[in-house]
Amino acid sequence: MPSIQVFVKHQGKKHEVELDPTSTGETFKYQLYSLTGVEPDRQKILVKGGQLKDDTELSKLGAKPGQTFMMMGTPAEGAPALERPKGKMKFMEDMTDAEIAQQEGATPAGLQNLGNTCYMNSTLQTLRAVPELQEQLLKYAGDSGLSRGPDLSQFTQLGLPGNLSVDITSSLRDLYKQMSETQQGFPPLMFLNALQTTFPQFAEKSKTGHGYAQQDAEEAWTQIISQLRQKLKVKATEAPPTSSSSSQDQKAAEEISFIDKHLAGRFSSTLTCEEPQAIEAGEAPVENSDIFLKLDCHIEKETSHLRDGILKRPHGENREELPYPQPRCHLLKNITHIPPTQVPHRAFRPLLLAQRHQKEDQDHEESHIPRRARRCGILHRDTAKAARASAR
């Protein structure tokens, strides 16, 4: 049975309503609620024979096109006023794939394996989880070369352009934009080309002749971060330089690398010489502060928790690596700053707990975080599980 157009008068206004004869009075009241703001239980709709009830079938009203009904009632006190949507309502059926992919709850896009490129894909997905990085990449104005498009003759058998030079930072920006417009697996062809052009070791072919040689995710993380550190700049929070500084120095002081601000931590180190001659001479400890972009977790058979792997001294690291190779020099390193960015912060949290437990449980003079301790950009699932257990 087709719907018919009727009118409902309420407080001097006349509302046009589409009445569906197959529905009930309750449905009709909710239609009027969206137009008038009067809750269904506060509505009194006058029809032939009395008031419209919730369970009344509208087909029994015998309504005709253009018929007018009278409604009485006012909204409850303090009830929020209903407003029409500012934008035009759009249904999923009318959206493009890109618009659907950007809706809340959409399936995140994956990355296709282009021949042993899972190391790169995992690194890219990890970086994509940093919202501050996404915002900064959108502001980056570098040209990736995608807008003009490569010539088809430049593509190799694997589908990659062989001689197209592409900026890694702009390629990363364009890749994330393309991934935000789909829910399918996306082939990161252009970014892989940019990575291989800038760092040829990632273009090494597999010995089997199929695809590329396997690479380490930590190496990809290091190289990509190094490029972003050079390209992405943000305003520094420190005080501006004095008027005597040159304009070039002032500009450098006003900007800081995005990576240093959001993805870098800081060590404080104290080097103390324990030789009797140095102690008698009153030699002061040497204090220093260093930035770190990652921390290694040295996993061995007896390693059960993330903090144990980070605090463990790797094989081959000894006192000869210290600035002063005397056998009785003691280096103490502590983490004084961790990145504010959300994703790395969760990975760094066990480090602070480890550092705290170390101070509480050990009085050993060698209590320290190893000099070469670094954080790997990609954590194994079991390692992450150990980190959560340690955090508790």
Protein backbone atom coordinates (compact mmCIF):
# COMPACT_ATOMS: atom_id res chain seq x y z
CA MET A 1 0.00 0.00 0.00
CA PRO A 2 1.62 3.31 -1.07
CA SER A 3 2.32 6.13 1.37
CA ILE A 4 0.21 9.29 1.27
CA GLN A 5 0.98 12.91 2.13
CA VAL A 6 -1.00 14.37 5.03
CA PHE A 7 -0.72 17.54 7.17
CA VAL A 8 -0.48 17.89 10.93
CA LYS A 9 -1.26 21.21 12.68
CA HIS A 10 0.64 21.98 15.88
CA GLN A 11 0.95 25.34 17.67
CA GLY A 12 0.05 27.33 14.59
CA LYS A 13 2.41 25.45 12.27
CA LYS A 14 1.44 23.03 9.53
CA HIS A 15 3.77 20.08 8.98
CA GLU A 16 3.73 17.89 5.91
CA VAL A 17 4.12 14.22 6.85
CA GLU A 18 4.37 11.03 4.84
CA LEU A 19 1.88 8.55 6.30
CA ASP A 20 2.57 4.86 5.74
CA PRO A 21 -0.73 2.90 6.02
CA THR A 22 1.18 -0.31 6.86
CA SER A 23 2.72 1.18 10.02
CA THR A 24 1.24 1.94 13.46
CA GLY A 25 0.43 5.05 15.46
CA GLU A 26 3.71 4.76 17.37
CA THR A 27 5.71 5.13 14.15
CA PHE A 28 3.64 8.14 13.14
CA LYS A 29 4.29 9.78 16.52
CA TYR A 30 8.04 9.33 16.14
CA GLN A 31 7.80 11.03 12.75
CA LEU A 32 6.13 13.99 14.42
CA TYR A 33 8.71 13.94 17.22
CA SER A 34 11.46 14.54 14.65
CA LEU A 35 9.51 17.55 13.32
CA THR A 36 8.16 19.15 16.51
CA GLY A 37 10.43 17.95 19.33
CA VAL A 38 7.42 16.72 21.33
CA GLU A 39 8.07 13.29 22.83
CA PRO A 40 5.66 10.55 21.62
CA ASP A 41 4.22 9.98 25.11
CA ARG A 42 3.33 13.71 25.35
CA GLN A 43 1.52 13.85 22.00
CA LYS A 44 -2.26 13.92 21.57
CA ILE A 45 -3.23 13.38 17.93
CA LEU A 46 -6.95 13.85 17.24
CA VAL A 47 -8.43 11.42 14.74
CA LYS A 48 -11.95 10.28 13.96
CA GLY A 49 -13.26 8.53 17.07
CA GLY A 50 -10.81 10.06 19.60
CA GLN A 51 -7.04 10.06 20.06
CA LEU A 52 -4.51 8.09 18.04
CA LYS A 53 -3.13 5.15 20.06
CA ASP A 54 0.30 3.60 19.65
CA ASP A 55 -1.01 0.23 18.50
CA THR A 56 -3.56 1.63 16.06
CA GLU A 57 -3.00 0.47 12.49
CA LEU A 58 -2.88 3.58 10.28
CA SER A 59 -4.68 1.72 7.47
CA LYS A 60 -7.84 1.76 9.62
CA LEU A 61 -7.88 5.57 9.76
CA GLY A 62 -8.99 5.81 6.15
CA ALA A 63 -6.72 8.84 5.67
CA LYS A 64 -6.83 10.56 2.30
CA PRO A 65 -4.08 12.56 0.55
CA GLY A 66 -3.99 16.14 1.85
CA GLN A 67 -6.01 15.35 4.99
CA THR A 68 -5.20 17.46 8.08
CA PHE A 69 -4.79 16.12 11.62
CA MET A 70 -4.56 18.14 14.83
CA MET A 71 -1.82 17.51 17.39
CA MET A 72 -1.51 18.88 20.94
CA GLY A 73 1.42 18.65 23.37
CA THR A 74 4.61 20.41 24.40
CA PRO A 75 8.19 19.16 24.84
CA ALA A 76 9.31 18.18 28.35
CA GLU A 77 11.17 20.82 30.36
CA GLY A 78 14.90 20.76 29.81
CA ALA A 79 14.62 18.53 26.78
CA PRO A 80 17.27 19.39 24.15
CA ALA A 81 15.91 21.11 21.10
CA LEU A 82 15.96 19.04 17.95
CA GLU A 83 17.78 20.55 15.00
CA ARG A 84 17.90 19.49 11.41
CA PRO A 85 21.28 18.14 10.27
CA LYS A 86 23.46 20.92 8.90
CA GLY A 87 24.65 18.76 6.03
CA LYS A 88 22.67 16.69 3.62
CA MET A 89 22.06 13.16 4.88
CA LYS A 90 23.93 10.60 2.81
CA PHE A 91 23.27 6.87 2.90
CA MET A 92 25.98 4.21 2.59
CA GLU A 93 24.53 3.10 -0.73
CA ASP A 94 25.17 6.56 -2.17
CA MET A 95 28.77 6.88 -0.88
CA THR A 96 31.92 6.18 -2.83
CA ASP A 97 34.44 3.60 -1.60
CA ALA A 98 36.68 6.43 -0.36
CA GLU A 99 33.85 7.99 1.66
CA ILE A 100 32.90 4.65 3.21
CA ALA A 101 36.52 3.96 4.18
CA GLN A 102 36.65 7.23 6.13
CA GLN A 103 33.56 6.49 8.22
CA GLU A 104 33.87 5.52 11.87
CA GLY A 105 34.21 1.77 12.30
CA ALA A 106 35.49 1.17 8.76
CA THR A 107 37.99 -1.67 8.26
CA PRO A 108 41.56 -0.26 8.10
CA ALA A 109 43.33 -0.78 4.81
CA GLY A 110 45.99 -3.48 4.58
CA LEU A 111 49.19 -3.52 2.53
CA GLN A 112 49.89 -6.11 -0.14
CA ASN A 113 53.12 -8.09 0.01
CA LEU A 114 55.18 -7.21 -3.07
CA GLY A 115 57.65 -10.05 -2.63
CA ASN A 116 59.13 -10.37 0.87
CA THR A 117 58.13 -6.80 1.76
CA CYS A 118 56.35 -7.71 5.00
CA TYR A 119 59.16 -5.95 6.91
CA MET A 120 58.22 -2.67 5.24
CA ASN A 121 54.48 -3.21 5.60
CA SER A 122 54.70 -3.78 9.35
CA THR A 123 56.84 -0.66 9.74
CA LEU A 124 54.39 1.44 7.74
CA GLN A 125 51.39 0.19 9.72
CA THR A 126 53.16 0.97 13.00
CA LEU A 127 53.91 4.54 11.90
CA ARG A 128 50.35 4.96 10.67
CA ALA A 129 49.12 4.39 14.23
CA VAL A 130 50.68 7.71 15.31
CA PRO A 131 47.95 10.37 14.80
CA GLU A 132 50.36 13.28 15.25
CA LEU A 133 52.45 11.96 12.37
CA GLN A 134 49.39 11.76 10.13
CA GLU A 135 48.55 15.39 10.85
CA GLN A 136 52.10 16.56 10.18
CA LEU A 137 52.39 14.63 6.93
CA LEU A 138 49.26 16.36 5.61
CA LYS A 139 51.05 19.69 6.12
CA TYR A 140 54.15 18.55 4.26
CA ALA A 141 54.36 20.26 0.87
CA GLY A 142 57.02 18.14 -0.79
CA ASP A 143 56.36 16.74 -4.27
CA SER A 144 56.31 12.98 -4.59
CA GLY A 145 55.99 13.00 -8.37
CA LEU A 146 52.69 11.11 -8.23
CA SER A 147 50.70 14.03 -9.55
CA ARG A 148 52.47 14.03 -12.90
CA GLY A 149 52.61 10.20 -13.02
CA PRO A 150 55.46 8.08 -14.38
CA ASP A 151 55.72 6.91 -17.95
CA LEU A 152 54.57 3.30 -18.43
CA SER A 153 57.93 2.43 -20.00
CA GLN A 154 59.60 3.11 -16.64
CA PHE A 155 57.93 0.16 -14.90
CA THR A 156 59.87 -3.07 -14.39
CA GLN A 157 58.56 -6.63 -14.47
CA LEU A 158 57.60 -6.35 -10.81
CA GLY A 159 55.51 -3.27 -11.54
CA LEU A 160 57.94 -0.79 -9.99
CA PRO A 161 59.30 2.27 -11.79
CA GLY A 162 63.01 1.67 -12.32
CA ASN A 163 64.35 5.22 -12.59
CA LEU A 164 61.76 7.41 -10.92
CA SER A 165 63.23 9.34 -7.98
CA VAL A 166 60.66 9.89 -5.25
CA ASP A 167 60.90 11.66 -1.89
CA ILE A 168 60.24 9.19 0.96
CA THR A 169 58.37 11.68 3.14
CA SER A 170 55.98 12.80 0.40
CA SER A 171 55.56 9.19 -0.73
CA LEU A 172 54.59 8.25 2.81
CA ARG A 173 52.08 11.10 2.90
CA ASP A 174 50.52 10.01 -0.40
CA LEU A 175 50.48 6.35 0.63
CA TYR A 176 48.58 7.05 3.84
CA LYS A 177 46.10 9.22 1.94
CA GLN A 178 45.45 6.39 -0.51
CA MET A 179 45.10 3.89 2.33
CA SER A 180 42.52 6.13 4.00
CA GLU A 181 40.32 5.87 0.91
CA THR A 182 40.01 2.09 0.78
CA GLN A 183 39.25 -0.91 2.96
CA GLN A 184 41.09 -3.33 0.71
CA GLY A 185 44.73 -4.37 0.58
CA PHE A 186 46.74 -1.62 -1.10
CA PRO A 187 49.97 -2.18 -3.08
CA PRO A 188 52.63 0.29 -1.79
CA LEU A 189 54.46 0.36 -5.14
CA MET A 190 55.52 4.00 -5.17
CA PHE A 191 56.72 3.99 -1.58
CA LEU A 192 58.74 0.82 -2.13
CA ASN A 193 60.39 2.47 -5.12
CA ALA A 194 61.23 5.54 -3.03
CA LEU A 195 62.69 3.36 -0.27
CA GLN A 196 64.77 1.32 -2.69
CA THR A 197 65.99 4.38 -4.57
CA THR A 198 67.13 6.09 -1.39
CA PHE A 199 68.46 2.94 0.30
CA PRO A 200 69.54 0.43 -2.39
CA GLN A 201 70.02 -2.42 0.11
CA PHE A 202 66.25 -2.85 0.13
CA ALA A 203 66.32 -3.52 -3.65
CA GLU A 204 68.40 -6.69 -3.23
CA LYS A 205 66.76 -9.58 -5.08
CA SER A 206 65.96 -12.93 -3.52
CA LYS A 207 68.39 -15.78 -4.21
CA THR A 208 65.46 -17.91 -5.31
CA GLY A 209 64.69 -15.42 -8.06
CA HIS A 210 61.21 -14.63 -6.72
CA GLY A 211 60.71 -11.11 -5.41
CA TYR A 212 63.14 -9.31 -3.14
CA ALA A 213 65.46 -10.57 -0.43
CA GLN A 214 64.13 -10.62 3.10
CA GLN A 215 64.99 -7.54 5.16
CA ASP A 216 64.80 -6.49 8.79
CA ALA A 217 61.90 -4.32 9.97
CA GLU A 218 64.16 -2.49 12.42
CA GLU A 219 66.45 -1.38 9.59
CA ALA A 220 63.48 -0.11 7.60
CA TRP A 221 62.20 1.71 10.69
CA THR A 222 65.60 3.35 11.24
CA GLN A 223 65.96 4.55 7.65
CA ILE A 224 62.40 5.86 7.35
CA ILE A 225 62.66 7.68 10.68
CA SER A 226 65.96 9.24 9.59
CA GLN A 227 64.28 10.68 6.48
CA LEU A 228 61.28 11.98 8.40
CA ARG A 229 63.64 13.55 10.93
CA GLN A 230 65.25 15.60 8.19
CA LYS A 231 62.08 16.63 6.38
CA LEU A 232 59.35 17.18 8.97
CA LYS A 233 59.83 20.35 11.01
CA VAL A 234 57.60 21.85 13.71
CA LYS A 235 57.79 24.95 15.84
CA ALA A 236 60.13 24.66 18.80
CA THR A 237 58.86 25.34 22.30
CA GLU A 238 62.13 26.80 23.51
CA ALA A 239 62.68 30.55 23.88
CA PRO A 240 63.61 32.35 20.64
CA PRO A 241 67.25 33.40 20.08
CA THR A 242 68.53 36.88 20.82
CA SER A 243 68.47 39.72 18.30
CA SER A 244 72.22 39.32 17.74
CA SER A 245 71.66 35.94 16.08
CA SER A 246 71.61 35.72 12.30
CA SER A 247 68.30 35.20 10.49
CA GLN A 248 69.37 31.69 9.49
CA ASP A 249 70.19 30.81 13.10
CA GLN A 250 66.88 32.28 14.26
CA LYS A 251 64.93 30.19 11.76
CA ALA A 252 66.79 27.05 12.86
CA ALA A 253 66.09 27.86 16.51
CA GLU A 254 62.39 28.37 15.82
CA GLU A 255 62.05 24.92 14.23
CA ILE A 256 62.68 21.45 15.55
CA SER A 257 62.39 18.04 13.97
CA PHE A 258 58.97 16.45 14.41
CA ILE A 259 60.69 13.17 15.24
CA ASP A 260 62.76 14.76 18.02
CA LYS A 261 59.63 16.28 19.53
CA HIS A 262 57.23 13.34 19.30
CA LEU A 263 59.22 10.12 18.80
CA ALA A 264 62.56 10.67 20.55
CA GLY A 265 63.57 9.95 24.13
CA ARG A 266 66.50 11.21 26.15
CA PHE A 267 69.20 9.59 28.25
CA SER A 268 71.16 11.28 31.01
CA SER A 269 74.56 9.70 31.59
CA THR A 270 77.13 10.11 34.34
CA LEU A 271 80.66 8.79 33.81
CA THR A 272 82.65 8.40 37.04
CA CYS A 273 86.32 7.43 37.18
CA GLU A 274 86.98 5.15 40.16
CA GLU A 275 90.78 5.17 39.91
CA PRO A 276 92.40 6.17 43.25
CA GLN A 277 94.44 8.90 41.54
CA ALA A 278 91.27 10.45 40.08
CA ILE A 279 89.47 10.28 43.41
CA GLU A 280 92.40 11.92 45.21
CA ALA A 281 92.59 14.64 42.56
CA GLY A 282 88.86 15.31 43.02
CA GLU A 283 88.01 14.59 39.38
CA ALA A 284 84.34 15.45 38.84
CA PRO A 285 82.00 13.02 37.07
CA VAL A 286 81.29 13.75 33.41
CA GLU A 287 77.58 14.30 32.79
CA ASN A 288 75.97 14.22 29.39
CA SER A 289 72.55 14.05 27.75
CA ASP A 290 71.81 12.05 24.61
CA ILE A 291 68.76 11.64 22.36
CA PHE A 292 67.66 8.13 21.43
CA LEU A 293 65.16 7.10 18.76
CA LYS A 294 64.90 3.42 19.70
CA LEU A 295 65.87 0.92 22.38
CA ASP A 296 66.98 -2.65 21.78
CA CYS A 297 65.38 -5.52 23.66
CA HIS A 298 68.05 -8.22 23.90
CA ILE A 299 66.04 -11.45 23.97
CA GLU A 300 67.75 -14.67 25.03
CA LYS A 301 66.56 -18.00 26.42
CA GLU A 302 66.28 -16.72 29.97
CA THR A 303 64.58 -13.44 29.02
CA SER A 304 60.99 -13.48 30.29
CA HIS A 305 60.00 -9.80 30.38
CA LEU A 306 60.56 -6.80 28.18
CA ARG A 307 62.33 -4.86 30.93
CA ASP A 308 64.82 -7.70 31.44
CA GLY A 309 65.74 -7.65 27.76
CA ILE A 310 66.19 -3.88 27.72
CA LEU A 311 68.33 -3.83 30.85
CA LYS A 312 70.49 -6.72 29.66
CA ARG A 313 74.00 -5.92 28.43
CA PRO A 314 74.46 -7.43 24.95
CA HIS A 315 77.37 -9.75 24.24
CA GLY A 316 80.52 -7.94 23.14
CA GLU A 317 79.65 -4.69 24.91
CA ASN A 318 82.28 -3.95 27.51
CA ARG A 319 84.15 -1.13 29.15
CA GLU A 320 86.39 -0.57 26.13
CA GLU A 321 83.38 1.06 24.47
CA LEU A 322 83.24 3.80 27.11
CA PRO A 323 84.75 7.23 26.31
CA TYR A 324 87.46 6.51 28.91
CA PRO A 325 88.62 2.87 28.62
CA GLN A 326 90.02 2.61 32.16
CA PRO A 327 88.79 -0.62 33.79
CA ARG A 328 87.46 1.23 36.82
CA CYS A 329 85.24 3.76 35.07
CA HIS A 330 81.54 3.47 35.81
CA LEU A 331 78.83 4.66 33.41
CA LEU A 332 75.32 5.20 34.78
CA LYS A 333 72.54 5.93 32.31
CA ASN A 334 68.92 6.75 33.08
CA ILE A 335 65.94 7.55 30.89
CA THR A 336 64.91 11.13 31.63
CA HIS A 337 62.35 11.63 28.86
CA ILE A 338 60.05 9.40 26.85
CA PRO A 339 58.06 10.45 23.76
CA PRO A 340 54.65 11.99 24.42
CA THR A 341 53.20 10.26 21.36
CA GLN A 342 50.65 7.66 22.40
CA VAL A 343 51.87 4.54 20.60
CA PRO A 344 55.55 4.75 21.59
CA HIS A 345 54.53 5.80 25.10
CA ARG A 346 52.86 2.45 25.70
CA ALA A 347 56.01 0.69 24.57
CA PHE A 348 58.24 2.86 26.77
CA ARG A 349 56.13 2.54 29.90
CA PRO A 350 57.77 -0.73 31.03
CA LEU A 351 61.15 1.03 30.80
CA LEU A 352 60.19 3.48 33.49
CA LEU A 353 58.90 0.63 35.64
CA ALA A 354 62.11 -1.27 35.02
CA GLN A 355 64.16 1.75 35.97
CA ARG A 356 62.11 2.20 39.15
CA HIS A 357 62.41 -1.48 40.15
CA GLN A 358 66.12 -1.36 39.46
CA LYS A 359 66.58 1.49 41.90
CA GLU A 360 64.44 -0.20 44.54
CA ASP A 361 65.77 -3.77 44.26
CA GLN A 362 69.46 -3.28 43.49
CA ASP A 363 72.25 -1.55 45.36
CA HIS A 364 74.83 -2.86 42.92
CA GLU A 365 77.26 -0.23 41.64
CA GLU A 366 76.79 -1.50 38.10
CA SER A 367 73.05 -0.71 38.22
CA HIS A 368 72.43 1.03 34.90
CA ILE A 369 70.72 0.88 31.56
CA PRO A 370 73.26 -0.28 28.95
CA ARG A 371 74.87 2.39 26.85
CA ARG A 372 73.72 0.86 23.60
CA ALA A 373 70.20 0.04 24.78
CA ARG A 374 67.79 0.78 21.98
CA ARG A 375 64.10 0.24 21.30
CA CYS A 376 63.15 -1.79 18.27
CA GLY A 377 60.40 -0.18 16.22
CA ILE A 378 58.44 -3.41 15.76
CA LEU A 379 57.71 -5.55 18.83
CA HIS A 380 56.91 -9.26 18.58
CA ARG A 381 53.48 -10.25 19.90
CA ASP A 382 54.99 -12.28 22.75
CA THR A 383 57.26 -9.37 23.64
CA ALA A 384 54.32 -6.99 23.74
CA LYS A 385 52.45 -9.43 25.97
CA ALA A 386 55.41 -9.50 28.34
CA ALA A 387 55.44 -5.71 28.33
CA ARG A 388 51.80 -5.57 29.42
CA ALA A 389 52.47 -8.10 32.16
CA SER A 390 55.45 -6.04 33.34
CA ALA A 391 53.39 -2.85 33.30
CA ARG A 392 50.92 -4.37 35.77
